[in-house]
Amino acid sequence: MKQAVFLNSNRKIGEKAEQKQISILLMSRKKMSQKSRACYMCLQCTLITLLE
């Protein structure tokens, strides 16, 4: 019986860790898209100024 409880708690810990990783991934993806968007805008600016 004790072993079953131990396995169950292990699974719960694993699920929590997985959720944490997913949320971290989502956060970093958000940051990345913001950065790349800013970079893209910046590039557009420099390209326009170079053309003028």
PDB file of N, CA and C in Angstrom:
ATOM      1  N   MET A   1       0.829  -1.213   0.000  1.00  0.00           N
ATOM      2  CA  MET A   1       0.000   0.000   0.000  1.00  0.00           C
ATOM      3  C   MET A   1       0.862   1.261   0.000  1.00  0.00           C
ATOM      4  N   LYS A   2       1.886   1.241   0.844  1.00  0.00           N
ATOM      5  CA  LYS A   2       2.740   2.427   0.944  1.00  0.00           C
ATOM      6  C   LYS A   2       3.371   2.774  -0.402  1.00  0.00           C
ATOM      7  N   GLN A   3       3.773   1.746  -1.139  1.00  0.00           N
ATOM      8  CA  GLN A   3       4.430   1.968  -2.427  1.00  0.00           C
ATOM      9  C   GLN A   3       3.477   2.666  -3.408  1.00  0.00           C
ATOM     10  N   ALA A   4       2.217   2.272  -3.400  1.00  0.00           N
ATOM     11  CA  ALA A   4       1.227   2.868  -4.299  1.00  0.00           C
ATOM     12  C   ALA A   4       1.076   4.360  -3.994  1.00  0.00           C
ATOM     13  N   VAL A   5       1.030   4.696  -2.717  1.00  0.00           N
ATOM     14  CA  VAL A   5       0.905   6.098  -2.307  1.00  0.00           C
ATOM     15  C   VAL A   5       2.140   6.869  -2.757  1.00  0.00           C
ATOM     16  N   PHE A   6       3.303   6.250  -2.593  1.00  0.00           N
ATOM     17  CA  PHE A   6       4.558   6.895  -2.978  1.00  0.00           C
ATOM     18  C   PHE A   6       4.564   7.185  -4.479  1.00  0.00           C
ATOM     19  N   LEU A   7       4.150   6.200  -5.277  1.00  0.00           N
ATOM     20  CA  LEU A   7       4.105   6.374  -6.734  1.00  0.00           C
ATOM     21  C   LEU A   7       3.131   7.482  -7.112  1.00  0.00           C
ATOM     22  N   ASN A   8       2.008   7.524  -6.414  1.00  0.00           N
ATOM     23  CA  ASN A   8       0.991   8.527  -6.698  1.00  0.00           C
ATOM     24  C   ASN A   8       1.528   9.932  -6.434  1.00  0.00           C
ATOM     25  N   SER A   9       2.217  10.110  -5.308  1.00  0.00           N
ATOM     26  CA  SER A   9       2.755  11.431  -4.984  1.00  0.00           C
ATOM     27  C   SER A   9       3.849  11.814  -5.980  1.00  0.00           C
ATOM     28  N   ASN A  10       4.609  10.829  -6.423  1.00  0.00           N
ATOM     29  CA  ASN A  10       5.640  11.071  -7.433  1.00  0.00           C
ATOM     30  C   ASN A  10       5.015  11.576  -8.730  1.00  0.00           C
ATOM     31  N   ARG A  11       3.910  10.969  -9.102  1.00  0.00           N
ATOM     32  CA  ARG A  11       3.228  11.363 -10.338  1.00  0.00           C
ATOM     33  C   ARG A  11       2.742  12.808 -10.222  1.00  0.00           C
ATOM     34  N   LYS A  12       2.198  13.144  -9.051  1.00  0.00           N
ATOM     35  CA  LYS A  12       1.705  14.507  -8.831  1.00  0.00           C
ATOM     36  C   LYS A  12       2.846  15.507  -8.960  1.00  0.00           C
ATOM     37  N   ILE A  13       3.989  15.178  -8.387  1.00  0.00           N
ATOM     38  CA  ILE A  13       5.162  16.060  -8.460  1.00  0.00           C
ATOM     39  C   ILE A  13       5.576  16.230  -9.918  1.00  0.00           C
ATOM     40  N   GLY A  14       5.560  15.137 -10.661  1.00  0.00           N
ATOM     41  CA  GLY A  14       5.917  15.174 -12.078  1.00  0.00           C
ATOM     42  C   GLY A  14       4.982  16.068 -12.873  1.00  0.00           C
ATOM     43  N   GLU A  15       3.680  15.969 -12.582  1.00  0.00           N
ATOM     44  CA  GLU A  15       2.693  16.789 -13.286  1.00  0.00           C
ATOM     45  C   GLU A  15       2.910  18.262 -12.984  1.00  0.00           C
ATOM     46  N   LYS A  16       3.195  18.563 -11.720  1.00  0.00           N
ATOM     47  CA  LYS A  16       3.433  19.956 -11.332  1.00  0.00           C
ATOM     48  C   LYS A  16       4.649  20.510 -12.057  1.00  0.00           C
ATOM     49  N   ALA A  17       5.711  19.725 -12.116  1.00  0.00           N
ATOM     50  CA  ALA A  17       6.938  20.154 -12.791  1.00  0.00           C
ATOM     51  C   ALA A  17       6.661  20.394 -14.273  1.00  0.00           C
ATOM     52  N   GLU A  18       5.845  19.527 -14.866  1.00  0.00           N
ATOM     53  CA  GLU A  18       5.513  19.661 -16.287  1.00  0.00           C
ATOM     54  C   GLU A  18       4.738  20.950 -16.532  1.00  0.00           C
ATOM     55  N   GLN A  19       3.769  21.236 -15.677  1.00  0.00           N
ATOM     56  CA  GLN A  19       2.978  22.462 -15.813  1.00  0.00           C
ATOM     57  C   GLN A  19       3.876  23.682 -15.699  1.00  0.00           C
ATOM     58  N   LYS A  20       4.827  23.629 -14.767  1.00  0.00           N
ATOM     59  CA  LYS A  20       5.747  24.742 -14.562  1.00  0.00           C
ATOM     60  C   LYS A  20       6.579  24.965 -15.824  1.00  0.00           C
ATOM     61  N   GLN A  21       7.098  23.885 -16.402  1.00  0.00           N
ATOM     62  CA  GLN A  21       7.902  23.987 -17.625  1.00  0.00           C
ATOM     63  C   GLN A  21       7.089  24.579 -18.764  1.00  0.00           C
ATOM     64  N   ILE A  22       5.841  24.155 -18.882  1.00  0.00           N
ATOM     65  CA  ILE A  22       4.975  24.653 -19.955  1.00  0.00           C
ATOM     66  C   ILE A  22       4.755  26.153 -19.787  1.00  0.00           C
ATOM     67  N   SER A  23       4.481  26.592 -18.554  1.00  0.00           N
ATOM     68  CA  SER A  23       4.248  28.017 -18.327  1.00  0.00           C
ATOM     69  C   SER A  23       5.513  28.824 -18.591  1.00  0.00           C
ATOM     70  N   ILE A  24       6.677  28.263 -18.237  1.00  0.00           N
ATOM     71  CA  ILE A  24       7.953  28.941 -18.508  1.00  0.00           C
ATOM     72  C   ILE A  24       8.150  29.057 -20.018  1.00  0.00           C
ATOM     73  N   LEU A  25       7.838  27.984 -20.744  1.00  0.00           N
ATOM     74  CA  LEU A  25       7.964  27.991 -22.202  1.00  0.00           C
ATOM     75  C   LEU A  25       7.063  29.055 -22.811  1.00  0.00           C
ATOM     76  N   LEU A  26       5.823  29.130 -22.332  1.00  0.00           N
ATOM     77  CA  LEU A  26       4.882  30.118 -22.853  1.00  0.00           C
ATOM     78  C   LEU A  26       5.387  31.529 -22.585  1.00  0.00           C
ATOM     79  N   MET A  27       5.916  31.744 -21.375  1.00  0.00           N
ATOM     80  CA  MET A  27       6.438  33.064 -21.021  1.00  0.00           C
ATOM     81  C   MET A  27       7.600  33.438 -21.923  1.00  0.00           C
ATOM     82  N   SER A  28       8.547  32.519 -22.109  1.00  0.00           N
ATOM     83  CA  SER A  28       9.721  32.820 -22.927  1.00  0.00           C
ATOM     84  C   SER A  28       9.319  33.020 -24.383  1.00  0.00           C
ATOM     85  N   ARG A  29       8.304  32.289 -24.827  1.00  0.00           N
ATOM     86  CA  ARG A  29       7.836  32.449 -26.209  1.00  0.00           C
ATOM     87  C   ARG A  29       7.248  33.848 -26.387  1.00  0.00           C
ATOM     88  N   LYS A  30       6.514  34.308 -25.361  1.00  0.00           N
ATOM     89  CA  LYS A  30       5.932  35.652 -25.396  1.00  0.00           C
ATOM     90  C   LYS A  30       7.037  36.693 -25.500  1.00  0.00           C
ATOM     91  N   LYS A  31       8.047  36.541 -24.652  1.00  0.00           N
ATOM     92  CA  LYS A  31       9.175  37.478 -24.652  1.00  0.00           C
ATOM     93  C   LYS A  31       9.889  37.465 -25.994  1.00  0.00           C
ATOM     94  N   MET A  32      10.077  36.267 -26.553  1.00  0.00           N
ATOM     95  CA  MET A  32      10.765  36.142 -27.832  1.00  0.00           C
ATOM     96  C   MET A  32       9.993  36.863 -28.934  1.00  0.00           C
ATOM     97  N   SER A  33       8.686  36.672 -28.998  1.00  0.00           N
ATOM     98  CA  SER A  33       7.894  37.296 -30.055  1.00  0.00           C
ATOM     99  C   SER A  33       7.933  38.819 -29.917  1.00  0.00           C
ATOM    100  N   GLN A  34       7.940  39.307 -28.681  1.00  0.00           N
ATOM    101  CA  GLN A  34       8.032  40.752 -28.466  1.00  0.00           C
ATOM    102  C   GLN A  34       9.383  41.260 -28.945  1.00  0.00           C
ATOM    103  N   LYS A  35      10.442  40.539 -28.611  1.00  0.00           N
ATOM    104  CA  LYS A  35      11.792  40.936 -29.013  1.00  0.00           C
ATOM    105  C   LYS A  35      11.922  40.928 -30.528  1.00  0.00           C
ATOM    106  N   SER A  36      11.482  39.850 -31.170  1.00  0.00           N
ATOM    107  CA  SER A  36      11.630  39.741 -32.620  1.00  0.00           C
ATOM    108  C   SER A  36      10.790  40.806 -33.323  1.00  0.00           C
ATOM    109  N   ARG A  37       9.644  41.139 -32.755  1.00  0.00           N
ATOM    110  CA  ARG A  37       8.804  42.167 -33.347  1.00  0.00           C
ATOM    111  C   ARG A  37       9.535  43.510 -33.281  1.00  0.00           C
ATOM    112  N   ALA A  38      10.137  43.781 -32.125  1.00  0.00           N
ATOM    113  CA  ALA A  38      10.898  45.015 -31.946  1.00  0.00           C
ATOM    114  C   ALA A  38      12.068  45.037 -32.920  1.00  0.00           C
ATOM    115  N   CYS A  39      12.737  43.898 -33.063  1.00  0.00           N
ATOM    116  CA  CYS A  39      13.871  43.785 -33.978  1.00  0.00           C
ATOM    117  C   CYS A  39      13.420  44.051 -35.401  1.00  0.00           C
ATOM    118  N   TYR A  40      12.300  43.475 -35.766  1.00  0.00           N
ATOM    119  CA  TYR A  40      11.777  43.628 -37.119  1.00  0.00           C
ATOM    120  C   TYR A  40      11.478  45.103 -37.395  1.00  0.00           C
ATOM    121  N   MET A  41      10.840  45.764 -36.427  1.00  0.00           N
ATOM    122  CA  MET A  41      10.534  47.188 -36.571  1.00  0.00           C
ATOM    123  C   MET A  41      11.830  47.964 -36.746  1.00  0.00           C
ATOM    124  N   CYS A  42      12.812  47.626 -35.947  1.00  0.00           N
ATOM    125  CA  CYS A  42      14.104  48.297 -35.996  1.00  0.00           C
ATOM    126  C   CYS A  42      14.731  48.131 -37.374  1.00  0.00           C
ATOM    127  N   LEU A  43      14.719  46.905 -37.870  1.00  0.00           N
ATOM    128  CA  LEU A  43      15.283  46.621 -39.191  1.00  0.00           C
ATOM    129  C   LEU A  43      14.565  47.425 -40.262  1.00  0.00           C
ATOM    130  N   GLN A  44      13.264  47.483 -40.175  1.00  0.00           N
ATOM    131  CA  GLN A  44      12.476  48.245 -41.139  1.00  0.00           C
ATOM    132  C   GLN A  44      12.945  49.695 -41.142  1.00  0.00           C
ATOM    133  N   CYS A  45      13.110  50.233 -39.957  1.00  0.00           N
ATOM    134  CA  CYS A  45      13.555  51.622 -39.813  1.00  0.00           C
ATOM    135  C   CYS A  45      14.898  51.834 -40.498  1.00  0.00           C
ATOM    136  N   THR A  46      15.871  51.004 -40.187  1.00  0.00           N
ATOM    137  CA  THR A  46      17.215  51.186 -40.746  1.00  0.00           C
ATOM    138  C   THR A  46      17.185  50.998 -42.257  1.00  0.00           C
ATOM    139  N   LEU A  47      16.364  50.065 -42.731  1.00  0.00           N
ATOM    140  CA  LEU A  47      16.268  49.847 -44.180  1.00  0.00           C
ATOM    141  C   LEU A  47      15.690  51.078 -44.865  1.00  0.00           C
ATOM    142  N   ILE A  48      14.663  51.656 -44.266  1.00  0.00           N
ATOM    143  CA  ILE A  48      14.036  52.851 -44.837  1.00  0.00           C
ATOM    144  C   ILE A  48      15.040  54.002 -44.870  1.00  0.00           C
ATOM    145  N   THR A  49      15.768  54.191 -43.783  1.00  0.00           N
ATOM    146  CA  THR A  49      16.739  55.292 -43.729  1.00  0.00           C
ATOM    147  C   THR A  49      17.872  55.054 -44.717  1.00  0.00           C
ATOM    148  N   LEU A  50      18.231  53.796 -44.943  1.00  0.00           N
ATOM    149  CA  LEU A  50      19.291  53.486 -45.907  1.00  0.00           C
ATOM    150  C   LEU A  50      18.827  53.789 -47.330  1.00  0.00           C
ATOM    151  N   LEU A  51      17.564  53.532 -47.600  1.00  0.00           N
ATOM    152  CA  LEU A  51      17.025  53.760 -48.945  1.00  0.00           C
ATOM    153  C   LEU A  51      16.917  55.251 -49.261  1.00  0.00           C
ATOM    154  N   GLU A  52      16.672  56.054 -48.250  1.00  0.00           N
ATOM    155  CA  GLU A  52      16.466  57.496 -48.481  1.00  0.00           C
ATOM    156  C   GLU A  52      17.719  58.226 -48.885  1.00  0.00           C
TER     157      GLU A  52
END
